[in-house]
């Protein structure tokens, strides 16, 4: 589901940027900035790159798994878990294209400010297993930002980090079949 959440954000942003700037090709890609060997990824030049930087379990109040009654038995499913995804949006434009980097990054912030919530009502293509996505800008200190870029293996590029809340993992597995409890029937007579 992580891939579905991140790809949905990329698709929505791509559609917005294509309409806004009358682009004929996608400018947003979901990719690492560098390959495993440390070389720059080949598909990210002059693109707005979206990638995952961290996953954190959300400690929302526990919700129990669902119970569905079928005849004289009930099926109990596993408890869903909620996660926050930390997603970096980086404008990877070099040289004379640096103003383009700032333009696309500004448009990204503007888009996600207006569309900070994705749910099934405003985004019908949202996967049914994901209830909603809520985006918040995550502020990092200069030191934390430096550490993050160092761990990513790259040099700083204009970017914004979003915390994407409420990504739900629900395996929808049946964990128990239990008999239903009913009131005993009494007969007088």
N, C-alpha and C. Protein backbone atom coordinates (compact mmCIF):
# COMPACT_ATOMS: atom_id res chain seq x y z
N UNK A 1 0.79 -1.20 0.00
CA UNK A 1 0.00 0.00 0.00
C UNK A 1 0.84 1.27 0.00
N UNK A 2 2.06 1.16 0.45
CA UNK A 2 2.94 2.33 0.43
C UNK A 2 3.10 2.82 -1.01
N UNK A 3 3.33 1.87 -1.92
CA UNK A 3 3.48 2.24 -3.32
C UNK A 3 2.23 2.93 -3.86
N UNK A 4 1.06 2.45 -3.46
CA UNK A 4 -0.19 3.04 -3.94
C UNK A 4 -0.37 4.46 -3.43
N UNK A 5 -0.02 4.70 -2.17
CA UNK A 5 -0.16 6.03 -1.59
C UNK A 5 0.80 7.02 -2.26
N UNK A 6 2.07 6.64 -2.39
CA UNK A 6 3.06 7.54 -2.98
C UNK A 6 2.76 7.78 -4.45
N UNK A 7 2.37 6.73 -5.16
CA UNK A 7 2.06 6.88 -6.59
C UNK A 7 0.83 7.75 -6.80
N UNK A 8 -0.16 7.65 -5.92
CA UNK A 8 -1.34 8.50 -6.03
C UNK A 8 -0.95 9.97 -5.91
N UNK A 9 -0.08 10.29 -4.95
CA UNK A 9 0.37 11.68 -4.79
C UNK A 9 1.10 12.16 -6.04
N UNK A 10 1.96 11.31 -6.59
CA UNK A 10 2.69 11.68 -7.80
C UNK A 10 1.74 11.90 -8.98
N UNK A 11 0.76 11.03 -9.13
CA UNK A 11 -0.20 11.15 -10.23
C UNK A 11 -1.02 12.42 -10.11
N UNK A 12 -1.52 12.68 -8.91
CA UNK A 12 -2.34 13.89 -8.71
C UNK A 12 -1.52 15.15 -8.97
N UNK A 13 -0.28 15.18 -8.48
CA UNK A 13 0.58 16.35 -8.69
C UNK A 13 0.92 16.49 -10.17
N UNK A 14 1.21 15.39 -10.85
CA UNK A 14 1.50 15.42 -12.29
C UNK A 14 0.34 16.02 -13.07
N UNK A 15 -0.87 15.57 -12.77
CA UNK A 15 -2.04 16.08 -13.47
C UNK A 15 -2.17 17.59 -13.27
N UNK A 16 -1.96 18.04 -12.05
CA UNK A 16 -2.05 19.47 -11.75
C UNK A 16 -0.98 20.26 -12.51
N UNK A 17 0.26 19.80 -12.48
CA UNK A 17 1.35 20.53 -13.14
C UNK A 17 1.18 20.52 -14.66
N UNK A 18 0.70 19.43 -15.22
CA UNK A 18 0.47 19.37 -16.67
C UNK A 18 -0.59 20.38 -17.10
N UNK A 19 -1.67 20.47 -16.30
CA UNK A 19 -2.73 21.45 -16.62
C UNK A 19 -2.23 22.88 -16.42
N UNK A 20 -1.55 23.12 -15.33
CA UNK A 20 -1.12 24.47 -14.98
C UNK A 20 -0.12 25.03 -15.98
N UNK A 21 0.85 24.22 -16.40
CA UNK A 21 1.92 24.70 -17.28
C UNK A 21 1.81 24.18 -18.71
N UNK A 22 0.68 23.57 -19.04
CA UNK A 22 0.44 23.05 -20.38
C UNK A 22 1.60 22.16 -20.86
N UNK A 23 1.96 21.19 -20.01
CA UNK A 23 3.07 20.29 -20.31
C UNK A 23 2.58 19.10 -21.11
N UNK A 24 3.43 18.58 -21.97
CA UNK A 24 3.07 17.41 -22.76
C UNK A 24 3.59 16.11 -22.16
N UNK A 25 4.52 16.21 -21.22
CA UNK A 25 5.05 15.01 -20.57
C UNK A 25 5.05 15.20 -19.06
N UNK A 26 5.11 14.09 -18.36
CA UNK A 26 5.12 14.14 -16.90
C UNK A 26 6.42 14.76 -16.40
N UNK A 27 6.30 15.59 -15.39
CA UNK A 27 7.47 16.21 -14.78
C UNK A 27 7.74 15.58 -13.41
N UNK A 28 6.77 14.84 -12.86
CA UNK A 28 6.90 14.21 -11.55
C UNK A 28 7.21 12.73 -11.74
N UNK A 29 8.25 12.25 -11.03
CA UNK A 29 8.58 10.83 -11.05
C UNK A 29 8.71 10.33 -9.62
N UNK A 30 8.37 9.08 -9.43
CA UNK A 30 8.58 8.41 -8.14
C UNK A 30 9.85 7.59 -8.30
N UNK A 31 10.91 7.99 -7.58
CA UNK A 31 12.21 7.34 -7.78
C UNK A 31 13.16 7.72 -6.65
N UNK A 32 14.20 6.93 -6.50
CA UNK A 32 15.33 7.35 -5.66
C UNK A 32 16.09 8.42 -6.42
N UNK A 33 16.83 9.24 -5.71
CA UNK A 33 17.70 10.21 -6.38
C UNK A 33 19.00 9.57 -6.83
N UNK A 34 19.48 8.61 -6.05
CA UNK A 34 20.72 7.91 -6.38
C UNK A 34 20.46 6.41 -6.38
N UNK A 35 21.21 5.70 -7.20
CA UNK A 35 21.12 4.24 -7.24
C UNK A 35 21.83 3.65 -6.03
N UNK A 36 21.71 2.35 -5.86
CA UNK A 36 22.33 1.67 -4.72
C UNK A 36 23.84 1.86 -4.71
N UNK A 37 24.45 1.94 -5.90
CA UNK A 37 25.91 2.11 -5.98
C UNK A 37 26.35 3.56 -5.79
N UNK A 38 25.40 4.48 -5.58
CA UNK A 38 25.74 5.88 -5.32
C UNK A 38 25.70 6.78 -6.54
N UNK A 39 25.50 6.21 -7.71
CA UNK A 39 25.42 7.01 -8.93
C UNK A 39 24.04 7.67 -9.02
N UNK A 40 24.00 8.82 -9.66
CA UNK A 40 22.72 9.52 -9.84
C UNK A 40 21.77 8.66 -10.66
N UNK A 41 20.53 8.58 -10.23
CA UNK A 41 19.53 7.84 -10.99
C UNK A 41 19.34 8.49 -12.35
N UNK A 42 19.16 7.68 -13.37
CA UNK A 42 19.12 8.21 -14.74
C UNK A 42 17.81 8.88 -15.11
N UNK A 43 16.72 8.57 -14.43
CA UNK A 43 15.41 9.06 -14.83
C UNK A 43 14.95 10.31 -14.08
N UNK A 44 15.86 10.97 -13.36
CA UNK A 44 15.42 12.06 -12.48
C UNK A 44 15.93 13.44 -12.90
N UNK A 45 16.64 13.53 -14.00
CA UNK A 45 17.15 14.84 -14.43
C UNK A 45 16.01 15.73 -14.89
N UNK A 46 16.01 16.97 -14.39
CA UNK A 46 15.00 17.96 -14.70
C UNK A 46 13.59 17.45 -14.41
N UNK A 47 13.45 16.80 -13.26
CA UNK A 47 12.17 16.26 -12.81
C UNK A 47 11.94 16.65 -11.35
N UNK A 48 10.70 16.61 -10.97
CA UNK A 48 10.32 16.73 -9.56
C UNK A 48 10.23 15.29 -9.06
N UNK A 49 11.09 14.93 -8.12
CA UNK A 49 11.23 13.54 -7.69
C UNK A 49 10.54 13.36 -6.33
N UNK A 50 9.69 12.34 -6.25
CA UNK A 50 9.02 12.00 -5.00
C UNK A 50 9.57 10.67 -4.52
N UNK A 51 10.02 10.66 -3.26
CA UNK A 51 10.53 9.41 -2.70
C UNK A 51 10.27 9.34 -1.20
N UNK A 52 10.27 8.12 -0.70
CA UNK A 52 9.98 7.84 0.69
C UNK A 52 11.26 7.99 1.51
N UNK A 53 11.18 8.72 2.65
CA UNK A 53 12.35 8.86 3.51
C UNK A 53 12.20 8.10 4.83
N UNK A 54 10.96 7.81 5.23
CA UNK A 54 10.76 7.12 6.50
C UNK A 54 9.31 6.62 6.59
N UNK A 55 9.14 5.59 7.42
CA UNK A 55 7.82 5.06 7.76
C UNK A 55 7.73 5.01 9.27
N UNK A 56 6.63 5.48 9.81
CA UNK A 56 6.45 5.53 11.26
C UNK A 56 5.06 4.99 11.60
N UNK A 57 5.00 4.10 12.58
CA UNK A 57 3.70 3.61 13.03
C UNK A 57 2.99 4.73 13.77
N UNK A 58 1.73 4.94 13.44
CA UNK A 58 0.93 5.97 14.09
C UNK A 58 0.25 5.34 15.30
N UNK A 59 0.37 5.97 16.43
CA UNK A 59 -0.20 5.43 17.66
C UNK A 59 -1.58 6.00 17.93
N UNK A 60 -2.44 5.92 16.92
CA UNK A 60 -3.83 6.35 17.10
C UNK A 60 -4.49 5.40 18.08
N UNK A 61 -5.55 5.84 18.73
CA UNK A 61 -6.23 4.92 19.65
C UNK A 61 -6.56 3.61 18.94
N UNK A 62 -6.32 2.54 19.63
CA UNK A 62 -6.48 1.20 19.05
C UNK A 62 -7.91 0.98 18.58
N UNK A 63 -8.03 0.51 17.39
CA UNK A 63 -9.32 0.10 16.86
C UNK A 63 -9.28 -1.40 16.71
N UNK A 64 -10.30 -2.05 17.18
CA UNK A 64 -10.32 -3.50 17.11
C UNK A 64 -10.71 -3.95 15.72
N UNK A 65 -10.32 -5.17 15.40
CA UNK A 65 -10.71 -5.74 14.12
C UNK A 65 -12.22 -5.81 14.00
N UNK A 66 -12.68 -5.97 12.80
CA UNK A 66 -14.12 -6.00 12.57
C UNK A 66 -14.69 -7.38 12.83
N UNK A 67 -15.94 -7.41 13.20
CA UNK A 67 -16.66 -8.67 13.42
C UNK A 67 -17.83 -8.68 12.46
N UNK A 68 -17.95 -9.76 11.70
CA UNK A 68 -19.03 -9.91 10.75
C UNK A 68 -19.80 -11.18 11.11
N UNK A 69 -21.08 -11.04 11.35
CA UNK A 69 -21.90 -12.19 11.73
C UNK A 69 -22.39 -12.91 10.49
N UNK A 70 -22.19 -14.23 10.50
CA UNK A 70 -22.66 -15.10 9.43
C UNK A 70 -23.36 -16.27 10.09
N UNK A 71 -24.67 -16.26 10.05
CA UNK A 71 -25.44 -17.34 10.67
C UNK A 71 -25.21 -17.39 12.17
N UNK A 72 -24.80 -18.56 12.65
CA UNK A 72 -24.58 -18.73 14.09
C UNK A 72 -23.13 -18.52 14.48
N UNK A 73 -22.33 -18.05 13.56
CA UNK A 73 -20.91 -17.79 13.84
C UNK A 73 -20.57 -16.36 13.41
N UNK A 74 -19.51 -15.86 14.00
CA UNK A 74 -19.02 -14.53 13.64
C UNK A 74 -17.57 -14.67 13.19
N UNK A 75 -17.19 -13.90 12.19
CA UNK A 75 -15.82 -13.88 11.71
C UNK A 75 -15.15 -12.62 12.24
N UNK A 76 -14.01 -12.79 12.90
CA UNK A 76 -13.29 -11.64 13.43
C UNK A 76 -12.03 -11.44 12.60
N UNK A 77 -11.83 -10.21 12.13
CA UNK A 77 -10.64 -9.91 11.33
C UNK A 77 -9.59 -9.24 12.18
N UNK A 78 -8.37 -9.19 11.64
CA UNK A 78 -7.25 -8.60 12.37
C UNK A 78 -7.42 -7.10 12.53
N UNK A 79 -6.72 -6.56 13.50
CA UNK A 79 -6.77 -5.13 13.79
C UNK A 79 -5.96 -4.36 12.76
N UNK A 80 -6.52 -3.33 12.13
CA UNK A 80 -5.74 -2.55 11.18
C UNK A 80 -4.64 -1.75 11.89
N UNK A 81 -3.57 -1.47 11.17
CA UNK A 81 -2.49 -0.64 11.71
C UNK A 81 -2.38 0.61 10.85
N UNK A 82 -2.00 1.71 11.49
CA UNK A 82 -1.92 2.99 10.82
C UNK A 82 -0.48 3.47 10.79
N UNK A 83 -0.08 4.01 9.65
CA UNK A 83 1.29 4.45 9.47
C UNK A 83 1.35 5.86 8.91
N UNK A 84 2.43 6.54 9.25
CA UNK A 84 2.76 7.83 8.65
C UNK A 84 3.92 7.59 7.69
N UNK A 85 3.80 8.15 6.52
CA UNK A 85 4.89 8.08 5.55
C UNK A 85 5.53 9.45 5.47
N UNK A 86 6.83 9.49 5.46
CA UNK A 86 7.55 10.75 5.26
C UNK A 86 8.02 10.76 3.82
N UNK A 87 7.45 11.67 3.05
CA UNK A 87 7.67 11.70 1.61
C UNK A 87 8.35 13.02 1.24
N UNK A 88 9.49 12.91 0.57
CA UNK A 88 10.26 14.08 0.13
C UNK A 88 9.90 14.39 -1.32
N UNK A 89 9.68 15.66 -1.59
CA UNK A 89 9.44 16.12 -2.96
C UNK A 89 10.60 17.06 -3.29
N UNK A 90 11.41 16.63 -4.24
CA UNK A 90 12.66 17.30 -4.55
C UNK A 90 12.69 17.74 -6.01
N UNK A 91 13.04 19.00 -6.21
CA UNK A 91 13.16 19.54 -7.57
C UNK A 91 14.59 19.33 -8.04
N UNK A 92 14.78 18.37 -8.92
CA UNK A 92 16.11 17.99 -9.40
C UNK A 92 16.39 18.63 -10.76
N UNK A 93 16.52 19.95 -10.76
CA UNK A 93 16.80 20.71 -11.98
C UNK A 93 18.17 21.34 -11.80
N UNK A 94 19.01 21.25 -12.81
CA UNK A 94 20.40 21.72 -12.67
C UNK A 94 20.69 22.90 -13.58
N UNK A 95 21.78 23.56 -13.27
CA UNK A 95 22.29 24.65 -14.11
C UNK A 95 21.28 25.76 -14.32
N UNK A 96 21.07 26.11 -15.58
CA UNK A 96 20.16 27.20 -15.93
C UNK A 96 18.70 26.86 -15.64
N UNK A 97 18.40 25.62 -15.33
CA UNK A 97 17.03 25.21 -15.03
C UNK A 97 16.67 25.40 -13.56
N UNK A 98 17.57 26.00 -12.77
CA UNK A 98 17.30 26.19 -11.34
C UNK A 98 16.02 26.98 -11.09
N UNK A 99 15.73 28.04 -11.86
CA UNK A 99 14.44 28.73 -11.65
C UNK A 99 13.24 27.80 -11.86
N UNK A 100 13.36 26.84 -12.78
CA UNK A 100 12.30 25.86 -12.98
C UNK A 100 12.12 25.01 -11.72
N UNK A 101 13.21 24.68 -11.05
CA UNK A 101 13.14 23.91 -9.81
C UNK A 101 12.30 24.66 -8.79
N UNK A 102 12.57 25.92 -8.64
CA UNK A 102 11.84 26.72 -7.65
C UNK A 102 10.38 26.89 -8.06
N UNK A 103 10.12 27.05 -9.36
CA UNK A 103 8.75 27.19 -9.85
C UNK A 103 7.95 25.92 -9.56
N UNK A 104 8.49 24.75 -9.90
CA UNK A 104 7.76 23.50 -9.68
C UNK A 104 7.63 23.18 -8.19
N UNK A 105 8.64 23.54 -7.40
CA UNK A 105 8.53 23.30 -5.96
C UNK A 105 7.46 24.21 -5.35
N UNK A 106 7.41 25.46 -5.78
CA UNK A 106 6.37 26.38 -5.30
C UNK A 106 4.99 25.87 -5.68
N UNK A 107 4.84 25.38 -6.88
CA UNK A 107 3.55 24.84 -7.33
C UNK A 107 3.17 23.59 -6.55
N UNK A 108 4.17 22.81 -6.19
CA UNK A 108 3.92 21.61 -5.38
C UNK A 108 3.36 21.99 -4.01
N UNK A 109 4.01 22.95 -3.36
CA UNK A 109 3.55 23.40 -2.05
C UNK A 109 2.14 23.98 -2.16
N UNK A 110 1.91 24.75 -3.20
CA UNK A 110 0.59 25.34 -3.41
C UNK A 110 -0.47 24.26 -3.62
N UNK A 111 -0.17 23.27 -4.45
CA UNK A 111 -1.12 22.19 -4.71
C UNK A 111 -1.48 21.43 -3.44
N UNK A 112 -0.47 21.03 -2.67
CA UNK A 112 -0.74 20.24 -1.47
C UNK A 112 -1.29 21.09 -0.32
N UNK A 113 -1.15 22.41 -0.41
CA UNK A 113 -1.81 23.27 0.57
C UNK A 113 -3.32 23.24 0.31
N UNK A 114 -3.70 23.29 -0.97
CA UNK A 114 -5.12 23.27 -1.33
C UNK A 114 -5.72 21.87 -1.27
N UNK A 115 -4.88 20.86 -1.44
CA UNK A 115 -5.34 19.46 -1.46
C UNK A 115 -4.57 18.66 -0.40
N UNK A 116 -4.77 19.01 0.85
CA UNK A 116 -4.05 18.35 1.94
C UNK A 116 -4.73 17.06 2.38
N UNK A 117 -5.94 16.81 1.88
CA UNK A 117 -6.69 15.61 2.24
C UNK A 117 -7.13 14.91 0.96
N UNK A 118 -6.80 13.64 0.89
CA UNK A 118 -7.27 12.79 -0.21
C UNK A 118 -8.13 11.70 0.41
N UNK A 119 -9.39 11.64 -0.02
CA UNK A 119 -10.28 10.58 0.46
C UNK A 119 -11.09 10.08 -0.74
N UNK A 120 -12.01 9.18 -0.49
CA UNK A 120 -12.77 8.57 -1.59
C UNK A 120 -13.77 9.53 -2.22
N UNK A 121 -14.16 10.57 -1.50
CA UNK A 121 -15.09 11.55 -2.07
C UNK A 121 -14.40 12.48 -3.06
N UNK A 122 -13.20 12.97 -2.70
CA UNK A 122 -12.53 13.92 -3.61
C UNK A 122 -11.50 13.26 -4.52
N UNK A 123 -11.20 11.99 -4.29
CA UNK A 123 -10.25 11.25 -5.12
C UNK A 123 -10.77 9.83 -5.32
N UNK A 124 -11.69 9.64 -6.26
CA UNK A 124 -12.30 8.31 -6.46
C UNK A 124 -11.30 7.21 -6.78
N UNK A 125 -10.15 7.56 -7.34
CA UNK A 125 -9.17 6.54 -7.69
C UNK A 125 -8.31 6.08 -6.51
N UNK A 126 -8.53 6.63 -5.33
CA UNK A 126 -7.84 6.19 -4.12
C UNK A 126 -8.20 4.73 -3.85
N UNK A 127 -7.21 3.90 -3.66
CA UNK A 127 -7.43 2.48 -3.42
C UNK A 127 -8.39 2.28 -2.25
N UNK A 128 -9.31 1.34 -2.36
CA UNK A 128 -10.34 1.13 -1.35
C UNK A 128 -9.76 0.75 0.00
N UNK A 129 -8.54 0.19 0.03
CA UNK A 129 -7.93 -0.22 1.29
C UNK A 129 -7.32 0.95 2.05
N UNK A 130 -7.22 2.11 1.39
CA UNK A 130 -6.69 3.32 2.04
C UNK A 130 -7.88 4.22 2.33
N UNK A 131 -8.12 4.49 3.59
CA UNK A 131 -9.26 5.31 3.98
C UNK A 131 -9.07 6.76 3.55
N UNK A 132 -7.91 7.31 3.86
CA UNK A 132 -7.61 8.70 3.51
C UNK A 132 -6.12 8.95 3.67
N UNK A 133 -5.65 10.01 3.04
CA UNK A 133 -4.28 10.49 3.18
C UNK A 133 -4.35 11.96 3.57
N UNK A 134 -3.61 12.32 4.61
CA UNK A 134 -3.58 13.71 5.08
C UNK A 134 -2.13 14.17 5.04
N UNK A 135 -1.88 15.26 4.32
CA UNK A 135 -0.51 15.76 4.18
C UNK A 135 -0.25 16.96 5.07
N UNK A 136 0.87 16.93 5.76
CA UNK A 136 1.35 18.04 6.57
C UNK A 136 2.80 18.28 6.23
N UNK A 137 3.19 19.55 6.08
CA UNK A 137 4.60 19.87 5.88
C UNK A 137 5.34 19.54 7.16
N UNK A 138 6.46 18.88 7.03
CA UNK A 138 7.29 18.52 8.18
C UNK A 138 8.49 19.46 8.21
N UNK A 139 8.60 20.22 9.27
CA UNK A 139 9.72 21.16 9.42
C UNK A 139 10.94 20.44 9.99
N UNK A 140 12.07 20.65 9.37
CA UNK A 140 13.33 20.09 9.85
C UNK A 140 14.30 21.22 10.16
N UNK A 141 15.07 21.05 11.21
CA UNK A 141 16.12 22.02 11.50
C UNK A 141 17.21 21.88 10.44
N UNK A 142 18.09 22.85 10.35
CA UNK A 142 19.20 22.79 9.39
C UNK A 142 20.04 21.54 9.66
N UNK A 143 20.28 21.23 10.93
CA UNK A 143 21.06 20.04 11.29
C UNK A 143 20.36 18.76 10.84
N UNK A 144 19.06 18.65 11.13
CA UNK A 144 18.30 17.46 10.71
C UNK A 144 18.26 17.34 9.19
N UNK A 145 18.10 18.45 8.52
CA UNK A 145 18.08 18.45 7.06
C UNK A 145 19.43 17.99 6.50
N UNK A 146 20.50 18.49 7.10
CA UNK A 146 21.84 18.08 6.68
C UNK A 146 22.04 16.59 6.90
N UNK A 147 21.59 16.08 8.05
CA UNK A 147 21.71 14.64 8.33
C UNK A 147 20.90 13.82 7.34
N UNK A 148 19.70 14.28 7.03
CA UNK A 148 18.86 13.55 6.08
C UNK A 148 19.51 13.48 4.71
N UNK A 149 19.96 14.62 4.20
CA UNK A 149 20.58 14.61 2.88
C UNK A 149 21.88 13.80 2.87
N UNK A 150 22.61 13.82 4.00
CA UNK A 150 23.81 13.00 4.09
C UNK A 150 23.48 11.51 4.03
N UNK A 151 22.42 11.11 4.71
CA UNK A 151 22.04 9.69 4.70
C UNK A 151 21.46 9.28 3.35
N UNK A 152 20.90 10.25 2.60
CA UNK A 152 20.38 9.94 1.27
C UNK A 152 21.49 9.78 0.24
N UNK A 153 22.69 10.22 0.59
CA UNK A 153 23.82 10.09 -0.32
C UNK A 153 23.87 11.15 -1.40
N UNK A 154 23.19 12.25 -1.18
CA UNK A 154 23.19 13.30 -2.18
C UNK A 154 23.48 14.66 -1.58
N UNK A 155 23.60 15.62 -2.45
CA UNK A 155 23.77 17.00 -2.02
C UNK A 155 22.39 17.64 -2.00
N UNK A 156 22.25 18.65 -1.17
CA UNK A 156 20.95 19.28 -1.01
C UNK A 156 20.40 19.79 -2.34
N UNK A 157 19.12 19.54 -2.54
CA UNK A 157 18.35 20.09 -3.65
C UNK A 157 17.12 20.75 -3.07
N UNK A 158 16.55 21.73 -3.75
CA UNK A 158 15.32 22.35 -3.23
C UNK A 158 14.26 21.27 -3.02
N UNK A 159 13.70 21.24 -1.82
CA UNK A 159 12.79 20.15 -1.49
C UNK A 159 11.85 20.54 -0.36
N UNK A 160 10.81 19.74 -0.21
CA UNK A 160 9.88 19.89 0.90
C UNK A 160 9.54 18.48 1.37
N UNK A 161 9.49 18.32 2.69
CA UNK A 161 9.19 17.03 3.29
C UNK A 161 7.77 17.05 3.83
N UNK A 162 7.00 16.04 3.45
CA UNK A 162 5.61 15.92 3.92
C UNK A 162 5.47 14.69 4.78
N UNK A 163 4.68 14.84 5.83
CA UNK A 163 4.23 13.70 6.62
C UNK A 163 2.86 13.34 6.07
N UNK A 164 2.73 12.13 5.56
CA UNK A 164 1.47 11.65 5.01
C UNK A 164 0.86 10.73 6.06
N UNK A 165 -0.20 11.22 6.69
CA UNK A 165 -0.81 10.49 7.80
C UNK A 165 -1.94 9.58 7.34
N UNK A 166 -2.17 8.55 8.15
CA UNK A 166 -3.32 7.66 8.04
C UNK A 166 -3.25 6.70 6.85
N UNK A 167 -2.09 6.19 6.57
CA UNK A 167 -2.01 5.09 5.62
C UNK A 167 -2.34 3.83 6.40
N UNK A 168 -3.42 3.17 6.05
CA UNK A 168 -3.93 2.04 6.81
C UNK A 168 -3.47 0.73 6.19
N UNK A 169 -2.94 -0.14 7.02
CA UNK A 169 -2.64 -1.49 6.58
C UNK A 169 -3.65 -2.40 7.25
N UNK A 170 -4.52 -2.97 6.45
CA UNK A 170 -5.52 -3.88 6.96
C UNK A 170 -5.46 -5.13 6.11
N UNK A 171 -4.91 -6.18 6.68
CA UNK A 171 -4.74 -7.42 5.93
C UNK A 171 -6.08 -8.07 5.61
N UNK A 172 -7.12 -7.66 6.28
CA UNK A 172 -8.46 -8.21 6.10
C UNK A 172 -8.45 -9.73 6.23
N UNK A 173 -7.57 -10.22 7.10
CA UNK A 173 -7.50 -11.65 7.34
C UNK A 173 -8.44 -12.04 8.46
N UNK A 174 -9.04 -13.17 8.32
CA UNK A 174 -9.90 -13.68 9.37
C UNK A 174 -8.98 -14.35 10.40
N UNK A 175 -9.08 -13.88 11.64
CA UNK A 175 -8.23 -14.43 12.69
C UNK A 175 -8.97 -15.37 13.62
N UNK A 176 -10.30 -15.34 13.59
CA UNK A 176 -11.07 -16.23 14.47
C UNK A 176 -12.48 -16.40 13.93
N UNK A 177 -13.03 -17.58 14.20
CA UNK A 177 -14.45 -17.85 13.97
C UNK A 177 -15.02 -18.19 15.33
N UNK A 178 -15.93 -17.37 15.77
CA UNK A 178 -16.47 -17.56 17.11
C UNK A 178 -17.98 -17.71 17.03
N UNK A 179 -18.54 -18.55 17.92
CA UNK A 179 -20.01 -18.67 17.92
C UNK A 179 -20.63 -17.39 18.45
N UNK A 180 -21.76 -17.03 17.91
CA UNK A 180 -22.46 -15.86 18.40
C UNK A 180 -23.26 -16.23 19.63
N UNK A 181 -23.37 -15.30 20.53
CA UNK A 181 -24.11 -15.53 21.76
C UNK A 181 -25.49 -14.93 21.59
N UNK A 182 -26.50 -15.74 21.84
CA UNK A 182 -27.87 -15.26 21.75
C UNK A 182 -28.57 -15.51 23.07
N UNK A 183 -29.62 -14.78 23.29
CA UNK A 183 -30.40 -14.97 24.52
C UNK A 183 -31.16 -16.27 24.42
N UNK A 184 -31.20 -17.03 25.53
CA UNK A 184 -31.94 -18.29 25.49
C UNK A 184 -33.44 -18.02 25.36
N UNK A 185 -34.09 -18.90 24.64
CA UNK A 185 -35.54 -18.78 24.47
C UNK A 185 -36.21 -19.47 25.67
N UNK A 186 -37.13 -18.78 26.24
CA UNK A 186 -37.84 -19.39 27.38
C UNK A 186 -39.28 -19.66 26.98
N UNK A 187 -39.78 -20.72 27.51
CA UNK A 187 -41.18 -21.02 27.23
C UNK A 187 -41.91 -21.17 28.56
N UNK A 188 -43.02 -20.55 28.62
CA UNK A 188 -43.84 -20.60 29.83
C UNK A 188 -44.98 -21.56 29.56
N UNK A 189 -45.19 -22.45 30.43
CA UNK A 189 -46.34 -23.29 30.16
C UNK A 189 -46.28 -24.55 30.79
